[in-house]
Amino acid sequence: MGAIVNLLPLVILFVFVGAFAFVGYQMYLWTNDLANQGKKTMEKKNVMFTKDGMKVGVKEMSEEEYADRTQ
C-alpha cells in the first residue's frame, strides 16, 4: 500500500506531461497544415516562397490581349 502511494505523484506527473505533449503535437500539426494551405493559396496567386525569398510570377498574356489593355 505504501509503494502505491509513493508512486502516485509520478503517475500524475506522467499524465500531465503526456497531456501537454499531445496538445503540443496537435498544435504543431495544425500550424504546419495552416502554413501549407497558405502556401497553396499564394501559389494560386502566382506568389512562390523559395529559399532566396518571395518570387512573384507573371501570368502569360497574349500580344493581342496586351495591345487591348494598353490602348
N, C-alpha and C. Protein backbone atom coordinates (compact mmCIF):
# COMPACT_ATOMS: atom_id res chain seq x y z
N MET A 1 0.83 -1.19 0.00
CA MET A 1 0.00 0.00 0.00
C MET A 1 0.87 1.26 0.00
N GLY A 2 1.95 1.24 0.74
CA GLY A 2 2.83 2.41 0.83
C GLY A 2 3.53 2.69 -0.49
N ALA A 3 3.88 1.63 -1.24
CA ALA A 3 4.57 1.82 -2.51
C ALA A 3 3.65 2.48 -3.54
N ILE A 4 2.38 2.13 -3.51
CA ILE A 4 1.42 2.71 -4.46
C ILE A 4 1.24 4.20 -4.17
N VAL A 5 1.19 4.56 -2.91
CA VAL A 5 1.04 5.97 -2.52
C VAL A 5 2.27 6.76 -2.94
N ASN A 6 3.45 6.15 -2.84
CA ASN A 6 4.68 6.83 -3.24
C ASN A 6 4.76 7.02 -4.75
N LEU A 7 4.16 6.13 -5.52
CA LEU A 7 4.21 6.22 -6.98
C LEU A 7 3.12 7.11 -7.57
N LEU A 8 2.12 7.45 -6.79
CA LEU A 8 1.00 8.25 -7.28
C LEU A 8 1.44 9.60 -7.85
N PRO A 9 2.31 10.37 -7.20
CA PRO A 9 2.74 11.64 -7.81
C PRO A 9 3.47 11.44 -9.14
N LEU A 10 4.21 10.36 -9.27
CA LEU A 10 4.91 10.07 -10.52
C LEU A 10 3.91 9.78 -11.64
N VAL A 11 2.88 9.03 -11.33
CA VAL A 11 1.84 8.72 -12.32
C VAL A 11 1.12 10.00 -12.75
N ILE A 12 0.81 10.86 -11.78
CA ILE A 12 0.15 12.13 -12.10
C ILE A 12 1.05 13.00 -12.97
N LEU A 13 2.34 13.01 -12.67
CA LEU A 13 3.30 13.77 -13.48
C LEU A 13 3.31 13.26 -14.92
N PHE A 14 3.36 11.94 -15.10
CA PHE A 14 3.36 11.37 -16.45
C PHE A 14 2.08 11.70 -17.21
N VAL A 15 0.95 11.72 -16.51
CA VAL A 15 -0.32 12.07 -17.15
C VAL A 15 -0.28 13.52 -17.64
N PHE A 16 0.19 14.43 -16.80
CA PHE A 16 0.27 15.84 -17.21
C PHE A 16 1.27 16.05 -18.34
N VAL A 17 2.43 15.41 -18.26
CA VAL A 17 3.43 15.55 -19.32
C VAL A 17 2.89 14.98 -20.62
N GLY A 18 2.20 13.85 -20.55
CA GLY A 18 1.61 13.26 -21.75
C GLY A 18 0.54 14.15 -22.35
N ALA A 19 -0.28 14.77 -21.50
CA ALA A 19 -1.33 15.66 -21.99
C ALA A 19 -0.72 16.89 -22.67
N PHE A 20 0.29 17.48 -22.05
CA PHE A 20 0.94 18.64 -22.66
C PHE A 20 1.65 18.26 -23.95
N ALA A 21 2.25 17.09 -24.01
CA ALA A 21 2.91 16.63 -25.24
C ALA A 21 1.88 16.43 -26.35
N PHE A 22 0.73 15.88 -26.02
CA PHE A 22 -0.32 15.67 -27.02
C PHE A 22 -0.83 17.00 -27.56
N VAL A 23 -1.09 17.94 -26.67
CA VAL A 23 -1.57 19.26 -27.11
C VAL A 23 -0.51 19.96 -27.95
N GLY A 24 0.74 19.88 -27.54
CA GLY A 24 1.82 20.50 -28.31
C GLY A 24 1.96 19.89 -29.69
N TYR A 25 1.85 18.58 -29.78
CA TYR A 25 1.96 17.90 -31.07
C TYR A 25 0.79 18.28 -31.98
N GLN A 26 -0.41 18.37 -31.43
CA GLN A 26 -1.57 18.77 -32.23
C GLN A 26 -1.42 20.20 -32.72
N MET A 27 -0.87 21.09 -31.91
CA MET A 27 -0.62 22.46 -32.34
C MET A 27 0.42 22.50 -33.45
N TYR A 28 1.44 21.67 -33.34
CA TYR A 28 2.47 21.57 -34.37
C TYR A 28 1.87 21.12 -35.70
N LEU A 29 1.02 20.09 -35.65
CA LEU A 29 0.37 19.62 -36.87
C LEU A 29 -0.53 20.68 -37.47
N TRP A 30 -1.28 21.38 -36.63
CA TRP A 30 -2.21 22.40 -37.09
C TRP A 30 -1.47 23.56 -37.75
N THR A 31 -0.35 24.01 -37.15
CA THR A 31 0.39 25.13 -37.73
C THR A 31 1.02 24.74 -39.06
N ASN A 32 1.52 23.51 -39.17
CA ASN A 32 2.08 23.07 -40.45
C ASN A 32 1.00 22.99 -41.52
N ASP A 33 -0.18 22.50 -41.16
CA ASP A 33 -1.29 22.42 -42.11
C ASP A 33 -1.72 23.82 -42.54
N LEU A 34 -1.77 24.75 -41.60
CA LEU A 34 -2.14 26.12 -41.91
C LEU A 34 -1.12 26.76 -42.83
N ALA A 35 0.16 26.51 -42.60
CA ALA A 35 1.21 27.05 -43.46
C ALA A 35 1.11 26.48 -44.87
N ASN A 36 0.83 25.19 -44.99
CA ASN A 36 0.69 24.58 -46.31
C ASN A 36 -0.51 25.14 -47.06
N GLN A 37 -1.61 25.35 -46.35
CA GLN A 37 -2.79 25.93 -47.00
C GLN A 37 -2.51 27.35 -47.47
N GLY A 38 -1.81 28.12 -46.67
CA GLY A 38 -1.44 29.48 -47.07
C GLY A 38 -0.51 29.48 -48.25
N LYS A 39 0.42 28.54 -48.28
CA LYS A 39 1.35 28.45 -49.40
C LYS A 39 0.62 28.12 -50.69
N LYS A 40 -0.34 27.18 -50.62
CA LYS A 40 -1.12 26.82 -51.80
C LYS A 40 -1.95 28.00 -52.29
N THR A 41 -2.52 28.74 -51.35
CA THR A 41 -3.33 29.90 -51.73
C THR A 41 -2.47 30.95 -52.42
N MET A 42 -1.28 31.18 -51.89
CA MET A 42 -0.39 32.17 -52.50
C MET A 42 0.11 31.70 -53.86
N GLU A 43 0.34 30.40 -54.02
CA GLU A 43 0.79 29.89 -55.31
C GLU A 43 -0.29 30.03 -56.37
N LYS A 44 -1.56 29.97 -55.96
CA LYS A 44 -2.65 30.20 -56.91
C LYS A 44 -2.63 31.64 -57.41
N LYS A 45 -2.10 32.54 -56.60
CA LYS A 45 -2.00 33.95 -56.97
C LYS A 45 -0.63 34.27 -57.58
N ASN A 46 0.11 33.23 -57.99
CA ASN A 46 1.43 33.35 -58.61
C ASN A 46 2.47 33.97 -57.69
N VAL A 47 2.40 33.68 -56.41
CA VAL A 47 3.42 34.10 -55.46
C VAL A 47 4.03 32.83 -54.88
N MET A 48 5.37 32.69 -55.03
CA MET A 48 6.04 31.48 -54.57
C MET A 48 7.09 31.84 -53.52
N PHE A 49 7.19 31.03 -52.48
CA PHE A 49 8.19 31.23 -51.45
C PHE A 49 9.33 30.24 -51.69
N THR A 50 10.55 30.75 -51.82
CA THR A 50 11.72 29.92 -52.03
C THR A 50 12.74 30.22 -50.93
N LYS A 51 13.89 29.54 -50.99
CA LYS A 51 14.96 29.80 -50.02
C LYS A 51 15.50 31.22 -50.17
N ASP A 52 15.48 31.73 -51.41
CA ASP A 52 16.00 33.07 -51.68
C ASP A 52 15.03 34.17 -51.29
N GLY A 53 13.79 33.83 -51.08
CA GLY A 53 12.78 34.82 -50.73
C GLY A 53 11.50 34.58 -51.50
N MET A 54 10.73 35.62 -51.65
CA MET A 54 9.44 35.50 -52.32
C MET A 54 9.60 35.88 -53.79
N LYS A 55 9.01 35.09 -54.67
CA LYS A 55 9.04 35.37 -56.10
C LYS A 55 7.61 35.54 -56.58
N VAL A 56 7.41 36.57 -57.37
CA VAL A 56 6.08 36.83 -57.92
C VAL A 56 6.13 36.49 -59.39
N GLY A 57 5.26 35.57 -59.79
CA GLY A 57 5.19 35.19 -61.19
C GLY A 57 4.23 36.10 -61.93
N VAL A 58 4.39 36.15 -63.23
CA VAL A 58 3.51 36.95 -64.07
C VAL A 58 2.71 36.01 -64.94
N LYS A 59 1.41 36.23 -64.97
CA LYS A 59 0.57 35.40 -65.82
C LYS A 59 0.87 35.73 -67.27
N GLU A 60 0.86 34.70 -68.09
CA GLU A 60 1.13 34.92 -69.51
C GLU A 60 -0.04 35.65 -70.14
N MET A 61 0.32 36.57 -71.05
CA MET A 61 -0.69 37.36 -71.72
C MET A 61 -0.35 37.38 -73.21
N SER A 62 -1.33 37.15 -74.03
CA SER A 62 -1.08 37.15 -75.47
C SER A 62 -0.83 38.59 -75.94
N GLU A 63 -0.20 38.72 -77.10
CA GLU A 63 0.10 40.06 -77.63
C GLU A 63 -1.17 40.83 -77.92
N GLU A 64 -2.18 40.13 -78.38
CA GLU A 64 -3.45 40.80 -78.68
C GLU A 64 -4.09 41.35 -77.39
N GLU A 65 -4.07 40.54 -76.36
CA GLU A 65 -4.64 40.98 -75.08
C GLU A 65 -3.82 42.14 -74.50
N TYR A 66 -2.50 42.08 -74.65
CA TYR A 66 -1.64 43.16 -74.18
C TYR A 66 -1.94 44.46 -74.92
N ALA A 67 -2.11 44.35 -76.24
CA ALA A 67 -2.42 45.54 -77.04
C ALA A 67 -3.78 46.12 -76.65
N ASP A 68 -4.75 45.26 -76.39
CA ASP A 68 -6.07 45.74 -75.99
C ASP A 68 -6.02 46.47 -74.65
N ARG A 69 -5.23 45.98 -73.74
CA ARG A 69 -5.17 46.60 -72.42
C ARG A 69 -4.38 47.91 -72.43
N THR A 70 -3.41 48.03 -73.31
CA THR A 70 -2.57 49.23 -73.31
C THR A 70 -3.16 50.35 -74.14
N GLN A 71 -4.19 50.10 -74.91
CA GLN A 71 -4.78 51.17 -75.73
C GLN A 71 -5.72 52.02 -74.94
